[in-house]
């Protein structure tokens, strides 16, 4: 599995499509991608949701503080 920890939505240009890459890793190698958007409001339709869904883990975690981050990592 992969744990992607970020402080925001994807803003990199030219690095490929992270949603597509998560889907490839999941389908070809069975690698699940867990997404943690630290301090990021929960929202559908952003790339973090797409990465988690395509990576086989449904929804990103959106902890807002240290304790929530610890809980998310323990859950994973």
C-alpha atoms as a PDB file:
ATOM      1  CA  UNK A   1       0.000   0.000   0.000  1.00  0.00           C
ATOM      2  CA  UNK A   2       0.858   3.656  -0.355  1.00  0.00           C
ATOM      3  CA  UNK A   3      -0.013   6.400   2.110  1.00  0.00           C
ATOM      4  CA  UNK A   4      -0.233   9.794   0.448  1.00  0.00           C
ATOM      5  CA  UNK A   5      -0.087  12.611   3.020  1.00  0.00           C
ATOM      6  CA  UNK A   6      -0.779  16.092   1.682  1.00  0.00           C
ATOM      7  CA  UNK A   7      -1.834  19.536   2.835  1.00  0.00           C
ATOM      8  CA  UNK A   8      -3.960  20.253  -0.220  1.00  0.00           C
ATOM      9  CA  UNK A   9      -5.387  19.197  -3.546  1.00  0.00           C
ATOM     10  CA  UNK A  10      -3.104  18.338  -6.471  1.00  0.00           C
ATOM     11  CA  UNK A  11      -1.537  21.499  -7.920  1.00  0.00           C
ATOM     12  CA  UNK A  12       1.421  19.996  -9.782  1.00  0.00           C
ATOM     13  CA  UNK A  13       1.448  20.308 -13.533  1.00  0.00           C
ATOM     14  CA  UNK A  14       3.285  17.922 -15.786  1.00  0.00           C
ATOM     15  CA  UNK A  15       3.599  15.166 -13.201  1.00  0.00           C
ATOM     16  CA  UNK A  16       0.987  12.895 -14.747  1.00  0.00           C
ATOM     17  CA  UNK A  17      -2.522  12.227 -13.552  1.00  0.00           C
ATOM     18  CA  UNK A  18      -2.480  10.944  -9.963  1.00  0.00           C
ATOM     19  CA  UNK A  19      -6.005   9.465 -10.317  1.00  0.00           C
ATOM     20  CA  UNK A  20      -4.868   7.402 -13.287  1.00  0.00           C
ATOM     21  CA  UNK A  21      -1.691   6.319 -11.524  1.00  0.00           C
ATOM     22  CA  UNK A  22      -3.625   5.173  -8.438  1.00  0.00           C
ATOM     23  CA  UNK A  23      -5.952   3.150 -10.670  1.00  0.00           C
ATOM     24  CA  UNK A  24      -2.998   1.536 -12.462  1.00  0.00           C
ATOM     25  CA  UNK A  25      -1.258   0.605  -9.223  1.00  0.00           C
ATOM     26  CA  UNK A  26      -4.490  -0.907  -7.897  1.00  0.00           C
ATOM     27  CA  UNK A  27      -5.387  -2.856 -11.043  1.00  0.00           C
ATOM     28  CA  UNK A  28      -1.927  -4.054 -12.079  1.00  0.00           C
ATOM     29  CA  UNK A  29      -0.253  -4.704  -8.730  1.00  0.00           C
ATOM     30  CA  UNK A  30      -3.075  -4.635  -6.162  1.00  0.00           C
ATOM     31  CA  UNK A  31      -1.489  -1.644  -4.428  1.00  0.00           C
ATOM     32  CA  UNK A  32      -4.037   0.299  -2.380  1.00  0.00           C
ATOM     33  CA  UNK A  33      -3.576   4.061  -2.057  1.00  0.00           C
ATOM     34  CA  UNK A  34      -4.641   5.698   1.201  1.00  0.00           C
ATOM     35  CA  UNK A  35      -5.007   9.474   1.040  1.00  0.00           C
ATOM     36  CA  UNK A  36      -4.667  11.774   4.044  1.00  0.00           C
ATOM     37  CA  UNK A  37      -5.500  15.429   3.409  1.00  0.00           C
ATOM     38  CA  UNK A  38      -4.187  17.044   6.606  1.00  0.00           C
ATOM     39  CA  UNK A  39      -6.152  20.217   7.302  1.00  0.00           C
ATOM     40  CA  UNK A  40      -8.026  19.842   4.011  1.00  0.00           C
ATOM     41  CA  UNK A  41     -11.820  20.192   4.157  1.00  0.00           C
ATOM     42  CA  UNK A  42     -13.640  17.040   3.111  1.00  0.00           C
ATOM     43  CA  UNK A  43     -14.981  17.503  -0.407  1.00  0.00           C
ATOM     44  CA  UNK A  44     -16.155  15.285  -3.198  1.00  0.00           C
ATOM     45  CA  UNK A  45     -14.961  15.931  -6.697  1.00  0.00           C
ATOM     46  CA  UNK A  46     -11.400  16.910  -5.845  1.00  0.00           C
ATOM     47  CA  UNK A  47      -8.407  14.871  -6.939  1.00  0.00           C
ATOM     48  CA  UNK A  48      -7.832  13.526  -3.421  1.00  0.00           C
ATOM     49  CA  UNK A  49     -11.214  11.772  -3.551  1.00  0.00           C
ATOM     50  CA  UNK A  50     -10.428  10.423  -7.004  1.00  0.00           C
ATOM     51  CA  UNK A  51      -7.016   9.116  -5.922  1.00  0.00           C
ATOM     52  CA  UNK A  52      -8.497   7.316  -2.903  1.00  0.00           C
ATOM     53  CA  UNK A  53     -11.385   5.867  -4.918  1.00  0.00           C
ATOM     54  CA  UNK A  54      -9.163   4.726  -7.799  1.00  0.00           C
ATOM     55  CA  UNK A  55      -6.638   3.431  -5.280  1.00  0.00           C
ATOM     56  CA  UNK A  56      -9.217   1.102  -3.769  1.00  0.00           C
ATOM     57  CA  UNK A  57      -9.733   2.872  -0.435  1.00  0.00           C
ATOM     58  CA  UNK A  58     -12.976   4.757  -1.172  1.00  0.00           C
ATOM     59  CA  UNK A  59     -12.515   8.116   0.603  1.00  0.00           C
ATOM     60  CA  UNK A  60      -9.601  10.228   1.813  1.00  0.00           C
ATOM     61  CA  UNK A  61      -9.047  10.901   5.501  1.00  0.00           C
ATOM     62  CA  UNK A  62      -9.287  14.590   6.393  1.00  0.00           C
ATOM     63  CA  UNK A  63      -7.779  15.071   9.868  1.00  0.00           C
ATOM     64  CA  UNK A  64      -7.746  18.624  11.207  1.00  0.00           C
ATOM     65  CA  UNK A  65      -5.346  18.204  14.106  1.00  0.00           C
ATOM     66  CA  UNK A  66      -2.654  15.955  15.546  1.00  0.00           C
ATOM     67  CA  UNK A  67      -5.044  13.576  17.341  1.00  0.00           C
ATOM     68  CA  UNK A  68      -7.192  13.081  14.232  1.00  0.00           C
ATOM     69  CA  UNK A  69      -4.047  12.443  12.188  1.00  0.00           C
ATOM     70  CA  UNK A  70      -2.921   9.798  14.665  1.00  0.00           C
ATOM     71  CA  UNK A  71      -6.373   8.162  14.496  1.00  0.00           C
ATOM     72  CA  UNK A  72      -6.292   8.146  10.687  1.00  0.00           C
ATOM     73  CA  UNK A  73      -2.869   6.486  10.647  1.00  0.00           C
ATOM     74  CA  UNK A  74      -3.979   3.928  13.228  1.00  0.00           C
ATOM     75  CA  UNK A  75      -7.085   3.192  11.178  1.00  0.00           C
ATOM     76  CA  UNK A  76      -5.003   2.623   8.056  1.00  0.00           C
END
